[in-house]
Amino acid sequence: MEYIIEKIGMSRTVEVPSVPVTLLKVVEAKVCEVREDGKALVAYNSSKKLNKSIEGQQTKFGVSKEFNKFMTIEVAEGTEAGDLSTAALSEATSVKTSLNTKGRGFQGGMKRHGFSGGPAEHGHRFGRRIGSIGNAEWPGRVQPGKKMPGQYGNTQVTVKNDVLSFDEQNGILVLKGSIPGHNGARGLVRIVK
């Protein structure tokens, strides 16, 4: 069973020793149609502007204008069209969360892969460069998978966390530890069986 979530941020528990926790807001979603393979098309609220294709989907499934984004997620057996129930999160003990990591853009080898760099004294020309990347006459090319500068971050990561509590009235899920992504990032949370 999956739910669409939005990361609120991190905090800690009051007891001693305190435990770092991540707060997630479960996004309200409406089930539009359930397929035979255990997945369902759901609509949820997003800041995306309306266009004719979205309005056509809203009319087809009878959802209000605020539910303007659609996604396919796994649902429990017996789920019917209407509001997506969050009761299963109250009994969950651990979940897997999938979010995109913070995007850092194009970065050099030192930041991206933790290279040490060259000497920091006067007179050298090494700096923060990665140094030699190729081979001798054979094979005469750069090997695939070589650690080099490039896009760093903005990749989907899935982590497993224990559930400390779930406030069903406000839709706040409290997980032990940290999860990837910036505050306000949206992703999926899956209940681990």
Protein backbone atom coordinates (compact mmCIF):
# COMPACT_ATOMS: atom_id res chain seq x y z
CA MET A 1 0.00 0.00 0.00
CA GLU A 2 1.41 3.37 -1.06
CA TYR A 3 0.67 6.98 -0.11
CA ILE A 4 1.75 10.32 -1.57
CA ILE A 5 3.71 12.31 1.03
CA GLU A 6 5.29 15.73 1.41
CA LYS A 7 8.38 16.20 3.56
CA ILE A 8 7.84 18.78 6.32
CA GLY A 9 11.30 18.64 7.92
CA MET A 10 13.27 17.11 10.76
CA SER A 11 12.93 17.32 14.52
CA ARG A 12 13.71 15.20 17.57
CA THR A 13 11.88 13.47 20.38
CA VAL A 14 11.67 14.93 23.89
CA GLU A 15 12.93 11.91 25.85
CA VAL A 16 16.57 11.43 26.87
CA PRO A 17 18.45 10.44 24.80
CA SER A 18 16.51 12.17 22.04
CA VAL A 19 15.90 10.44 18.71
CA PRO A 20 16.10 12.32 15.37
CA VAL A 21 12.80 12.10 13.48
CA THR A 22 11.44 13.20 10.10
CA LEU A 23 7.93 14.63 9.79
CA LEU A 24 5.90 13.79 6.68
CA LYS A 25 2.49 15.10 5.63
CA VAL A 26 0.29 12.51 3.92
CA VAL A 27 -1.28 14.26 0.92
CA GLU A 28 -5.05 13.89 0.62
CA ALA A 29 -5.87 11.80 -2.44
CA LYS A 30 -9.03 10.53 -4.13
CA VAL A 31 -9.17 7.12 -5.81
CA CYS A 32 -10.49 7.55 -9.36
CA GLU A 33 -10.42 3.96 -10.60
CA VAL A 34 -8.98 0.65 -9.35
CA ARG A 35 -7.30 -1.76 -11.79
CA GLU A 36 -7.11 -5.56 -11.56
CA ASP A 37 -3.36 -5.60 -10.79
CA GLY A 38 -3.82 -3.95 -7.37
CA LYS A 39 -2.98 -0.44 -8.57
CA ALA A 40 -5.25 2.57 -8.71
CA LEU A 41 -5.36 5.95 -10.42
CA VAL A 42 -5.54 8.66 -7.75
CA ALA A 43 -5.96 12.43 -7.97
CA TYR A 44 -4.29 14.82 -5.53
CA ASN A 45 -3.78 18.55 -5.07
CA SER A 46 -0.77 20.16 -6.75
CA SER A 47 0.12 23.72 -7.72
CA LYS A 48 0.09 22.75 -11.40
CA LYS A 49 -2.02 24.97 -13.65
CA LEU A 50 -5.16 23.57 -15.23
CA ASN A 51 -5.33 22.64 -18.90
CA LYS A 52 -7.98 20.94 -21.03
CA SER A 53 -6.61 17.41 -20.56
CA ILE A 54 -6.64 17.77 -16.76
CA GLU A 55 -10.15 19.24 -16.84
CA GLY A 56 -11.27 16.30 -18.97
CA GLN A 57 -9.91 13.82 -16.41
CA GLN A 58 -11.60 15.74 -13.58
CA THR A 59 -14.94 15.63 -15.40
CA LYS A 60 -14.53 11.92 -16.27
CA PHE A 61 -13.89 10.85 -12.66
CA GLY A 62 -16.04 13.51 -10.95
CA VAL A 63 -13.32 15.10 -8.81
CA SER A 64 -13.23 18.77 -7.82
CA LYS A 65 -10.95 21.38 -9.41
CA GLU A 66 -8.44 21.31 -6.52
CA PHE A 67 -7.42 17.72 -7.37
CA ASN A 68 -5.43 18.59 -10.49
CA LYS A 69 -2.66 15.96 -10.61
CA PHE A 70 -3.00 12.23 -11.28
CA MET A 71 -0.74 9.30 -10.32
CA THR A 72 -0.88 5.50 -10.25
CA ILE A 73 -0.12 3.89 -6.86
CA GLU A 74 -0.57 0.51 -5.16
CA VAL A 75 -3.67 0.17 -2.98
CA ALA A 76 -5.05 -2.47 -0.61
CA GLU A 77 -7.53 -5.09 -1.74
CA GLY A 78 -11.12 -3.95 -1.53
CA THR A 79 -10.32 -0.28 -2.15
CA GLU A 80 -13.11 1.53 -3.98
CA ALA A 81 -13.38 4.89 -5.70
CA GLY A 82 -13.52 7.82 -3.29
CA ASP A 83 -11.25 9.09 -0.52
CA LEU A 84 -8.04 7.10 0.03
CA SER A 85 -8.09 5.71 3.59
CA THR A 86 -4.97 6.29 5.74
CA ALA A 87 -6.01 3.84 8.49
CA ALA A 88 -3.30 1.35 7.48
CA LEU A 89 -0.57 3.82 8.50
CA SER A 90 -1.75 3.71 12.13
CA GLU A 91 -0.80 0.02 12.36
CA ALA A 92 2.41 0.22 10.27
CA THR A 93 5.72 -0.40 12.03
CA SER A 94 8.14 0.33 9.16
CA VAL A 95 7.86 2.00 5.77
CA LYS A 96 9.97 2.56 2.66
CA THR A 97 10.13 6.15 1.45
CA SER A 98 11.09 7.14 -2.11
CA LEU A 99 12.16 10.74 -2.74
CA ASN A 100 14.59 12.63 -4.95
CA THR A 101 17.81 13.75 -3.26
CA LYS A 102 18.73 17.42 -3.18
CA GLY A 103 20.01 18.48 -6.62
CA ARG A 104 23.47 20.10 -6.54
CA GLY A 105 23.94 20.65 -10.27
CA PHE A 106 27.21 20.05 -12.13
CA GLN A 107 29.94 19.44 -9.53
CA GLY A 108 33.63 18.58 -9.61
CA GLY A 109 35.27 15.35 -8.54
CA MET A 110 36.15 16.58 -5.04
CA LYS A 111 32.56 17.32 -4.05
CA ARG A 112 30.90 14.59 -6.11
CA HIS A 113 33.20 11.66 -5.22
CA GLY A 114 35.23 12.88 -2.25
CA PHE A 115 38.59 13.10 -4.04
CA SER A 116 41.35 14.67 -1.95
CA GLY A 117 42.66 17.09 -4.59
CA GLY A 118 46.24 18.25 -5.00
CA PRO A 119 48.67 20.09 -2.73
CA ALA A 120 47.55 23.46 -1.41
CA GLU A 121 50.97 25.21 -1.43
CA HIS A 122 52.22 27.94 -3.74
CA GLY A 123 53.59 27.00 -7.10
CA HIS A 124 51.47 23.99 -7.94
CA ARG A 125 48.92 23.81 -10.74
CA PHE A 126 46.85 20.88 -9.48
CA GLY A 127 44.08 22.63 -7.49
CA ARG A 128 40.77 20.79 -7.27
CA ARG A 129 41.17 18.94 -10.57
CA ILE A 130 40.87 15.15 -10.70
CA GLY A 131 44.21 14.53 -12.43
CA SER A 132 44.98 11.86 -15.02
CA ILE A 133 41.97 9.92 -16.30
CA GLY A 134 43.29 7.78 -19.16
CA ASN A 135 45.55 4.79 -19.68
CA ALA A 136 48.74 4.26 -21.67
CA GLU A 137 48.82 3.07 -25.29
CA TRP A 138 46.51 0.20 -24.39
CA PRO A 139 43.52 0.45 -24.14
CA GLY A 140 44.07 4.07 -25.19
CA ARG A 141 40.73 5.32 -23.93
CA VAL A 142 38.92 6.29 -20.75
CA GLN A 143 37.21 3.30 -19.10
CA PRO A 144 33.40 3.38 -18.72
CA GLY A 145 32.20 4.31 -15.24
CA LYS A 146 35.22 6.51 -14.46
CA LYS A 147 34.51 8.84 -11.54
CA MET A 148 34.52 12.31 -13.09
CA PRO A 149 32.79 15.67 -12.66
CA GLY A 150 29.10 15.73 -13.58
CA GLN A 151 25.51 16.00 -12.37
CA TYR A 152 25.35 15.42 -8.62
CA GLY A 153 22.12 14.77 -6.74
CA ASN A 154 18.50 14.84 -7.97
CA THR A 155 18.31 11.04 -8.12
CA GLN A 156 15.56 8.91 -6.61
CA VAL A 157 16.56 7.15 -3.40
CA THR A 158 14.49 4.68 -1.34
CA VAL A 159 15.17 4.29 2.40
CA LYS A 160 13.55 2.15 5.09
CA ASN A 161 12.52 3.77 8.39
CA ASP A 162 10.61 2.76 11.52
CA VAL A 163 7.30 4.49 12.19
CA LEU A 164 7.16 6.22 15.59
CA SER A 165 3.64 7.63 15.32
CA PHE A 166 0.89 8.68 12.93
CA ASP A 167 -1.60 11.48 13.58
CA GLU A 168 -4.57 10.41 11.45
CA GLN A 169 -6.54 13.61 12.06
CA ASN A 170 -3.79 15.90 10.71
CA GLY A 171 -2.12 13.33 8.44
CA ILE A 172 1.35 13.69 10.04
CA LEU A 173 3.63 10.65 9.85
CA VAL A 174 6.67 10.59 12.18
CA LEU A 175 9.59 8.42 11.03
CA LYS A 176 12.74 7.55 12.97
CA GLY A 177 15.89 8.94 11.30
CA SER A 178 16.28 10.96 8.12
CA ILE A 179 15.02 10.62 4.57
CA PRO A 180 16.43 12.21 1.39
CA GLY A 181 15.08 15.35 -0.27
CA HIS A 182 14.48 18.98 0.56
CA ASN A 183 11.68 20.25 2.78
CA GLY A 184 8.51 20.39 0.70
CA ALA A 185 9.61 17.56 -1.61
CA ARG A 186 6.92 15.10 -2.65
CA GLY A 187 7.34 11.36 -2.97
CA LEU A 188 5.85 8.00 -2.08
CA VAL A 189 5.76 5.99 1.13
CA ARG A 190 5.15 2.23 1.01
CA ILE A 191 4.14 0.12 4.00
CA VAL A 192 6.59 -2.75 4.53
CA LYS A 193 4.88 -6.06 5.26
